[in-house]
């Protein structure tokens, strides 16, 4: 992380033209640093014929460890494939996870949008850890399983 634009440019310049995992670095994506107010966990996984969503207010940590030591911090729901994931269901899900206040409707809406993206991508897994929240909005990462590229080319 860089403290200012000048240092970010210098760090990017060091990367350009290098090789990472056998790939030539031709460009560098730079984002503004954001002060994180809170971190949550959100994932969707295809489990048999149904999708499942898992949420927690304990984001940014090893979720497997949370599952072993404090499973009550995780809330899981099998999603009805005919009805999908409505905002009101996502709101209840996050409420059950202990989320309250003005973030609740925003996180619920984001959850339904990410579920839609998960379905459109024909994904096996979409995991956001951490789902980082700040005063301006949300920041998320997506890891894509490339095993389905034949069905969904990039």
Protein backbone atom coordinates (compact mmCIF):
# COMPACT_ATOMS: atom_id res chain seq x y z
CA UNK A 1 0.00 0.00 0.00
CA UNK A 2 1.17 3.47 -0.82
CA UNK A 3 0.57 6.59 1.24
CA UNK A 4 0.15 8.93 -1.74
CA UNK A 5 -0.22 9.00 -5.53
CA UNK A 6 3.51 9.50 -6.11
CA UNK A 7 4.43 6.38 -4.13
CA UNK A 8 1.65 4.41 -5.81
CA UNK A 9 3.02 5.38 -9.23
CA UNK A 10 6.53 4.35 -8.18
CA UNK A 11 5.30 0.98 -6.89
CA UNK A 12 3.34 0.38 -10.10
CA UNK A 13 6.37 1.31 -12.22
CA UNK A 14 8.43 -1.33 -10.37
CA UNK A 15 5.89 -4.00 -11.28
CA UNK A 16 5.46 -3.09 -14.95
CA UNK A 17 7.52 -5.29 -17.23
CA UNK A 18 8.23 -7.90 -14.57
CA UNK A 19 7.04 -11.50 -14.72
CA UNK A 20 4.65 -12.87 -12.09
CA UNK A 21 3.84 -16.58 -12.16
CA UNK A 22 5.05 -16.75 -15.75
CA UNK A 23 2.94 -13.79 -16.92
CA UNK A 24 4.29 -10.45 -18.08
CA UNK A 25 2.86 -7.53 -16.10
CA UNK A 26 1.54 -5.09 -18.72
CA UNK A 27 -0.72 -3.01 -16.51
CA UNK A 28 -1.40 -2.35 -12.84
CA UNK A 29 -4.81 -1.60 -11.39
CA UNK A 30 -4.68 0.98 -8.61
CA UNK A 31 -7.50 1.92 -6.26
CA UNK A 32 -7.83 4.58 -3.64
CA UNK A 33 -7.08 3.38 -0.12
CA UNK A 34 -10.24 3.24 1.94
CA UNK A 35 -10.52 3.33 5.72
CA UNK A 36 -12.44 0.20 6.66
CA UNK A 37 -15.12 0.63 9.32
CA UNK A 38 -16.25 -3.01 9.56
CA UNK A 39 -15.63 -6.41 7.96
CA UNK A 40 -18.12 -9.19 7.27
CA UNK A 41 -18.07 -12.56 5.53
CA UNK A 42 -20.31 -13.61 2.64
CA UNK A 43 -20.20 -16.65 0.40
CA UNK A 44 -22.37 -18.52 -2.05
CA UNK A 45 -21.67 -22.13 -2.92
CA UNK A 46 -23.42 -24.56 -5.20
CA UNK A 47 -24.30 -27.53 -3.00
CA UNK A 48 -25.92 -30.29 -5.02
CA UNK A 49 -28.83 -28.82 -6.97
CA UNK A 50 -29.23 -25.82 -4.65
CA UNK A 51 -27.17 -22.82 -3.77
CA UNK A 52 -26.29 -21.99 -0.21
CA UNK A 53 -25.40 -18.63 1.31
CA UNK A 54 -23.22 -18.24 4.39
CA UNK A 55 -22.83 -14.92 6.22
CA UNK A 56 -21.04 -13.72 9.32
CA UNK A 57 -20.18 -10.50 11.08
CA UNK A 58 -16.71 -12.04 11.57
CA UNK A 59 -15.07 -11.16 8.27
CA UNK A 60 -11.43 -10.77 7.39
CA UNK A 61 -10.50 -13.89 9.35
CA UNK A 62 -10.08 -17.60 8.70
CA UNK A 63 -13.75 -18.55 8.35
CA UNK A 64 -12.97 -22.24 8.87
CA UNK A 65 -11.58 -21.36 12.30
CA UNK A 66 -14.74 -19.36 13.09
CA UNK A 67 -16.79 -22.39 12.03
CA UNK A 68 -14.84 -24.66 14.40
CA UNK A 69 -14.61 -22.38 17.43
CA UNK A 70 -17.72 -20.15 17.28
CA UNK A 71 -20.21 -21.69 14.83
CA UNK A 72 -22.98 -19.49 16.25
CA UNK A 73 -21.34 -16.55 14.44
CA UNK A 74 -22.22 -18.14 11.07
CA UNK A 75 -25.67 -18.06 9.51
CA UNK A 76 -26.38 -20.43 6.64
CA UNK A 77 -29.36 -20.64 4.30
CA UNK A 78 -30.17 -23.01 1.43
CA UNK A 79 -31.65 -20.90 -1.34
CA UNK A 80 -34.83 -22.04 -3.05
CA UNK A 81 -33.86 -22.22 -6.75
CA UNK A 82 -37.38 -21.26 -7.86
CA UNK A 83 -37.57 -18.10 -5.74
CA UNK A 84 -33.93 -17.05 -5.57
CA UNK A 85 -32.71 -14.65 -2.91
CA UNK A 86 -35.00 -11.67 -2.36
CA UNK A 87 -33.84 -8.60 -0.47
CA UNK A 88 -36.18 -9.33 2.43
CA UNK A 89 -34.68 -12.82 2.82
CA UNK A 90 -31.17 -11.36 2.71
CA UNK A 91 -32.22 -8.76 5.30
CA UNK A 92 -33.49 -11.50 7.64
CA UNK A 93 -30.30 -13.49 7.05
CA UNK A 94 -28.03 -10.59 8.04
CA UNK A 95 -30.32 -9.68 10.95
CA UNK A 96 -29.95 -13.25 12.23
CA UNK A 97 -26.17 -12.76 11.96
CA UNK A 98 -26.47 -9.76 14.28
CA UNK A 99 -26.25 -6.90 11.81
CA UNK A 100 -28.28 -3.83 12.76
CA UNK A 101 -28.54 -0.19 11.80
CA UNK A 102 -28.19 1.65 8.52
CA UNK A 103 -25.79 -0.92 7.06
CA UNK A 104 -28.43 -3.67 7.13
CA UNK A 105 -30.44 -2.65 4.03
CA UNK A 106 -27.28 -1.81 2.06
CA UNK A 107 -25.64 -5.16 2.87
CA UNK A 108 -28.87 -7.03 2.10
CA UNK A 109 -29.16 -5.31 -1.29
CA UNK A 110 -25.50 -6.07 -2.06
CA UNK A 111 -26.05 -9.69 -1.05
CA UNK A 112 -28.89 -10.10 -3.56
CA UNK A 113 -26.80 -8.46 -6.31
CA UNK A 114 -23.88 -10.78 -5.61
CA UNK A 115 -26.23 -13.77 -5.64
CA UNK A 116 -27.47 -12.67 -9.07
CA UNK A 117 -23.85 -12.38 -10.26
CA UNK A 118 -23.10 -15.83 -8.80
CA UNK A 119 -26.00 -17.31 -10.79
CA UNK A 120 -25.21 -15.43 -14.03
CA UNK A 121 -21.58 -16.59 -13.86
CA UNK A 122 -22.68 -20.20 -13.37
CA UNK A 123 -20.22 -20.20 -10.47
CA UNK A 124 -19.49 -22.96 -8.00
CA UNK A 125 -18.28 -20.51 -5.36
CA UNK A 126 -18.35 -16.78 -4.75
CA UNK A 127 -16.61 -15.76 -1.54
CA UNK A 128 -16.14 -12.24 -0.19
CA UNK A 129 -13.79 -12.12 2.79
CA UNK A 130 -13.70 -9.51 3.95
CA UNK A 131 -16.80 -7.75 2.80
CA UNK A 132 -15.36 -4.42 3.87
CA UNK A 133 -17.64 -1.53 4.74
CA UNK A 134 -16.82 2.15 4.89
CA UNK A 135 -18.88 5.33 5.03
CA UNK A 136 -18.87 5.62 1.22
CA UNK A 137 -19.97 2.09 0.29
CA UNK A 138 -18.61 -1.42 -0.13
CA UNK A 139 -15.44 -3.08 -1.31
CA UNK A 140 -15.44 -6.70 -2.39
CA UNK A 141 -13.20 -9.31 -3.96
CA UNK A 142 -14.36 -12.21 -6.08
CA UNK A 143 -12.46 -15.41 -6.72
CA UNK A 144 -13.69 -17.24 -9.78
CA UNK A 145 -13.48 -20.98 -10.27
CA UNK A 146 -12.15 -21.39 -13.79
CA UNK A 147 -13.45 -24.96 -14.04
CA UNK A 148 -16.55 -23.68 -15.83
CA UNK A 149 -14.79 -21.63 -18.52
CA UNK A 150 -16.08 -23.91 -21.26
CA UNK A 151 -19.64 -22.88 -20.35
CA UNK A 152 -18.88 -19.24 -19.48
CA UNK A 153 -15.89 -17.83 -21.37
CA UNK A 154 -14.37 -14.66 -19.94
